N, C-alpha and C. Protein backbone atom coordinates (compact mmCIF):
# COMPACT_ATOMS: atom_id res chain seq x y z
N UNK A 1 -30.16 -12.25 51.21
CA UNK A 1 -29.82 -10.87 50.98
C UNK A 1 -30.90 -10.25 50.10
N UNK A 2 -31.35 -9.09 50.46
CA UNK A 2 -32.36 -8.40 49.65
C UNK A 2 -31.69 -7.36 48.74
N UNK A 3 -32.51 -6.69 47.95
CA UNK A 3 -31.99 -5.73 46.98
C UNK A 3 -31.22 -4.60 47.66
N UNK A 4 -31.75 -4.12 48.77
CA UNK A 4 -31.09 -3.01 49.46
C UNK A 4 -29.73 -3.44 49.99
N UNK A 5 -29.67 -4.62 50.60
CA UNK A 5 -28.38 -5.11 51.12
C UNK A 5 -27.38 -5.30 49.98
N UNK A 6 -27.85 -5.82 48.86
CA UNK A 6 -26.98 -6.01 47.70
C UNK A 6 -26.45 -4.67 47.21
N UNK A 7 -27.30 -3.65 47.23
CA UNK A 7 -26.84 -2.33 46.78
C UNK A 7 -25.79 -1.76 47.73
N UNK A 8 -25.87 -2.08 49.01
CA UNK A 8 -24.84 -1.63 49.96
C UNK A 8 -23.50 -2.31 49.69
N UNK A 9 -23.55 -3.58 49.29
CA UNK A 9 -22.32 -4.30 48.94
C UNK A 9 -21.67 -3.64 47.73
N UNK A 10 -22.48 -3.29 46.73
CA UNK A 10 -21.95 -2.62 45.54
C UNK A 10 -21.32 -1.29 45.93
N UNK A 11 -22.01 -0.53 46.76
CA UNK A 11 -21.49 0.78 47.18
C UNK A 11 -20.19 0.62 47.94
N UNK A 12 -20.13 -0.33 48.85
CA UNK A 12 -18.91 -0.56 49.63
C UNK A 12 -17.76 -0.99 48.73
N UNK A 13 -18.05 -1.86 47.77
CA UNK A 13 -17.01 -2.29 46.83
C UNK A 13 -16.49 -1.12 46.01
N UNK A 14 -17.38 -0.24 45.58
CA UNK A 14 -16.97 0.93 44.81
C UNK A 14 -16.09 1.85 45.66
N UNK A 15 -16.45 2.02 46.92
CA UNK A 15 -15.63 2.85 47.82
C UNK A 15 -14.24 2.25 48.01
N UNK A 16 -14.17 0.93 48.14
CA UNK A 16 -12.87 0.26 48.27
C UNK A 16 -12.05 0.43 46.99
N UNK A 17 -12.70 0.33 45.84
CA UNK A 17 -12.00 0.48 44.58
C UNK A 17 -11.46 1.90 44.42
N UNK A 18 -12.23 2.90 44.81
CA UNK A 18 -11.75 4.29 44.77
C UNK A 18 -10.52 4.44 45.66
N UNK A 19 -10.59 3.88 46.84
CA UNK A 19 -9.47 3.96 47.77
C UNK A 19 -8.23 3.27 47.20
N UNK A 20 -8.40 2.09 46.66
CA UNK A 20 -7.28 1.33 46.10
C UNK A 20 -6.69 2.05 44.88
N UNK A 21 -7.55 2.63 44.06
CA UNK A 21 -7.06 3.26 42.83
C UNK A 21 -6.42 4.61 43.07
N UNK A 22 -6.62 5.19 44.25
CA UNK A 22 -6.00 6.48 44.54
C UNK A 22 -4.50 6.34 44.79
N UNK A 23 -4.05 5.12 45.05
CA UNK A 23 -2.62 4.85 45.25
C UNK A 23 -2.27 3.56 44.52
N UNK A 24 -2.36 3.59 43.19
CA UNK A 24 -2.09 2.35 42.46
C UNK A 24 -0.64 1.92 42.59
N UNK A 25 -0.44 0.65 42.80
CA UNK A 25 0.91 0.11 42.95
C UNK A 25 1.56 -0.10 41.59
N UNK A 26 0.77 -0.47 40.60
CA UNK A 26 1.25 -0.67 39.25
C UNK A 26 0.04 -0.87 38.35
N UNK A 27 0.31 -1.03 37.07
CA UNK A 27 -0.81 -1.26 36.17
C UNK A 27 -1.10 -2.75 36.01
N UNK A 28 -0.44 -3.58 36.80
CA UNK A 28 -0.71 -5.01 36.74
C UNK A 28 -2.15 -5.26 37.18
N UNK A 29 -2.81 -6.06 36.40
CA UNK A 29 -4.19 -6.38 36.74
C UNK A 29 -5.20 -5.40 36.19
N UNK A 30 -4.73 -4.35 35.49
CA UNK A 30 -5.64 -3.34 34.99
C UNK A 30 -6.65 -3.93 34.01
N UNK A 31 -6.21 -4.85 33.17
CA UNK A 31 -7.15 -5.49 32.23
C UNK A 31 -8.23 -6.25 33.00
N UNK A 32 -7.85 -6.92 34.08
CA UNK A 32 -8.82 -7.63 34.90
C UNK A 32 -9.79 -6.69 35.59
N UNK A 33 -9.29 -5.55 36.05
CA UNK A 33 -10.15 -4.55 36.69
C UNK A 33 -11.18 -4.05 35.68
N UNK A 34 -10.73 -3.73 34.47
CA UNK A 34 -11.65 -3.27 33.43
C UNK A 34 -12.69 -4.33 33.11
N UNK A 35 -12.27 -5.58 33.02
CA UNK A 35 -13.22 -6.66 32.72
C UNK A 35 -14.24 -6.82 33.84
N UNK A 36 -13.78 -6.74 35.08
CA UNK A 36 -14.69 -6.86 36.22
C UNK A 36 -15.67 -5.69 36.28
N UNK A 37 -15.18 -4.49 36.03
CA UNK A 37 -16.06 -3.32 36.03
C UNK A 37 -17.07 -3.41 34.89
N UNK A 38 -16.62 -3.87 33.74
CA UNK A 38 -17.53 -4.04 32.61
C UNK A 38 -18.66 -5.00 32.96
N UNK A 39 -18.31 -6.13 33.53
CA UNK A 39 -19.33 -7.13 33.92
C UNK A 39 -20.25 -6.56 35.00
N UNK A 40 -19.68 -5.84 35.97
CA UNK A 40 -20.50 -5.26 37.04
C UNK A 40 -21.50 -4.25 36.47
N UNK A 41 -21.06 -3.41 35.54
CA UNK A 41 -21.96 -2.43 34.94
C UNK A 41 -23.07 -3.11 34.15
N UNK A 42 -22.72 -4.16 33.44
CA UNK A 42 -23.73 -4.90 32.68
C UNK A 42 -24.78 -5.51 33.63
N UNK A 43 -24.31 -6.06 34.74
CA UNK A 43 -25.23 -6.65 35.72
C UNK A 43 -26.09 -5.58 36.40
N UNK A 44 -25.50 -4.40 36.66
CA UNK A 44 -26.28 -3.31 37.25
C UNK A 44 -27.34 -2.83 36.27
N UNK A 45 -27.02 -2.79 34.98
CA UNK A 45 -28.01 -2.41 33.97
C UNK A 45 -29.15 -3.42 33.96
N UNK A 46 -28.80 -4.69 34.06
CA UNK A 46 -29.82 -5.74 34.10
C UNK A 46 -30.71 -5.60 35.34
N UNK A 47 -30.09 -5.34 36.48
CA UNK A 47 -30.86 -5.17 37.72
C UNK A 47 -31.78 -3.96 37.62
N UNK A 48 -31.27 -2.87 37.07
CA UNK A 48 -32.09 -1.67 36.91
C UNK A 48 -33.26 -1.94 35.98
N UNK A 49 -33.02 -2.68 34.91
CA UNK A 49 -34.10 -3.04 34.00
C UNK A 49 -35.14 -3.90 34.71
N UNK A 50 -34.68 -4.82 35.57
CA UNK A 50 -35.60 -5.65 36.34
C UNK A 50 -36.46 -4.81 37.28
N UNK A 51 -35.84 -3.84 37.95
CA UNK A 51 -36.60 -2.97 38.84
C UNK A 51 -37.64 -2.18 38.06
N UNK A 52 -37.23 -1.64 36.92
CA UNK A 52 -38.14 -0.85 36.11
C UNK A 52 -39.31 -1.69 35.60
N UNK A 53 -39.05 -2.96 35.29
CA UNK A 53 -40.11 -3.84 34.80
C UNK A 53 -41.18 -4.06 35.86
N UNK A 54 -40.80 -3.95 37.12
CA UNK A 54 -41.74 -4.18 38.21
C UNK A 54 -42.53 -2.95 38.62
N UNK A 55 -42.23 -1.81 38.01
CA UNK A 55 -42.89 -0.56 38.37
C UNK A 55 -43.90 -0.22 37.28
N UNK A 56 -45.10 0.12 37.72
CA UNK A 56 -46.10 0.51 36.73
C UNK A 56 -45.78 1.92 36.23
N UNK A 57 -46.13 2.17 35.02
CA UNK A 57 -45.87 3.47 34.44
C UNK A 57 -44.66 3.43 33.52
N UNK A 58 -44.34 4.57 32.94
CA UNK A 58 -43.22 4.61 31.99
C UNK A 58 -41.88 4.39 32.69
N UNK A 59 -40.98 3.76 31.96
CA UNK A 59 -39.63 3.52 32.49
C UNK A 59 -38.89 4.84 32.61
N UNK A 60 -38.39 5.10 33.79
CA UNK A 60 -37.64 6.34 34.03
C UNK A 60 -36.15 6.16 33.78
N UNK A 61 -35.71 4.93 33.62
CA UNK A 61 -34.28 4.67 33.60
C UNK A 61 -33.77 4.08 32.29
N UNK A 62 -34.57 4.14 31.25
CA UNK A 62 -34.15 3.54 29.98
C UNK A 62 -32.82 4.11 29.52
N UNK A 63 -32.65 5.40 29.59
CA UNK A 63 -31.40 6.05 29.19
C UNK A 63 -30.24 5.61 30.05
N UNK A 64 -30.46 5.48 31.34
CA UNK A 64 -29.39 5.05 32.25
C UNK A 64 -28.96 3.62 31.93
N UNK A 65 -29.94 2.79 31.66
CA UNK A 65 -29.64 1.39 31.33
C UNK A 65 -28.79 1.33 30.06
N UNK A 66 -29.17 2.10 29.06
CA UNK A 66 -28.40 2.14 27.82
C UNK A 66 -27.00 2.68 28.06
N UNK A 67 -26.88 3.71 28.88
CA UNK A 67 -25.56 4.28 29.19
C UNK A 67 -24.68 3.29 29.93
N UNK A 68 -25.24 2.58 30.91
CA UNK A 68 -24.47 1.57 31.64
C UNK A 68 -23.95 0.50 30.69
N UNK A 69 -24.81 0.05 29.79
CA UNK A 69 -24.40 -0.98 28.83
C UNK A 69 -23.35 -0.46 27.86
N UNK A 70 -23.48 0.79 27.46
CA UNK A 70 -22.51 1.40 26.54
C UNK A 70 -21.13 1.48 27.20
N UNK A 71 -21.09 1.93 28.44
CA UNK A 71 -19.82 2.02 29.16
C UNK A 71 -19.25 0.63 29.40
N UNK A 72 -20.10 -0.33 29.74
CA UNK A 72 -19.65 -1.70 29.93
C UNK A 72 -19.01 -2.23 28.65
N UNK A 73 -19.64 -1.96 27.52
CA UNK A 73 -19.08 -2.39 26.24
C UNK A 73 -17.74 -1.72 25.97
N UNK A 74 -17.65 -0.42 26.23
CA UNK A 74 -16.40 0.30 26.01
C UNK A 74 -15.27 -0.24 26.87
N UNK A 75 -15.58 -0.54 28.12
CA UNK A 75 -14.56 -1.10 29.02
C UNK A 75 -14.13 -2.49 28.58
N UNK A 76 -15.07 -3.24 28.04
CA UNK A 76 -14.79 -4.61 27.63
C UNK A 76 -13.98 -4.73 26.36
N UNK A 77 -13.91 -3.64 25.59
CA UNK A 77 -13.12 -3.67 24.36
C UNK A 77 -11.64 -3.70 24.68
N UNK A 78 -10.92 -4.39 23.83
CA UNK A 78 -9.47 -4.51 24.07
C UNK A 78 -8.68 -3.57 23.23
């Protein structure tokens, strides 16, 4: 799987999550959802940092990386 294919998996998963969350059955599992989203955001920040490291010139996404990590931390708090 390449980077583009992996990004399509992320997009599809996000679309499924939006669909599932539009008709929540209960709040069971909400802590797990938050933990999974937190981890996913942290990994996306890492991937974005990796992409930026491979591009010559100034990093265009430093702020986004910081924001992703900040949101991941907020979600991970109990």
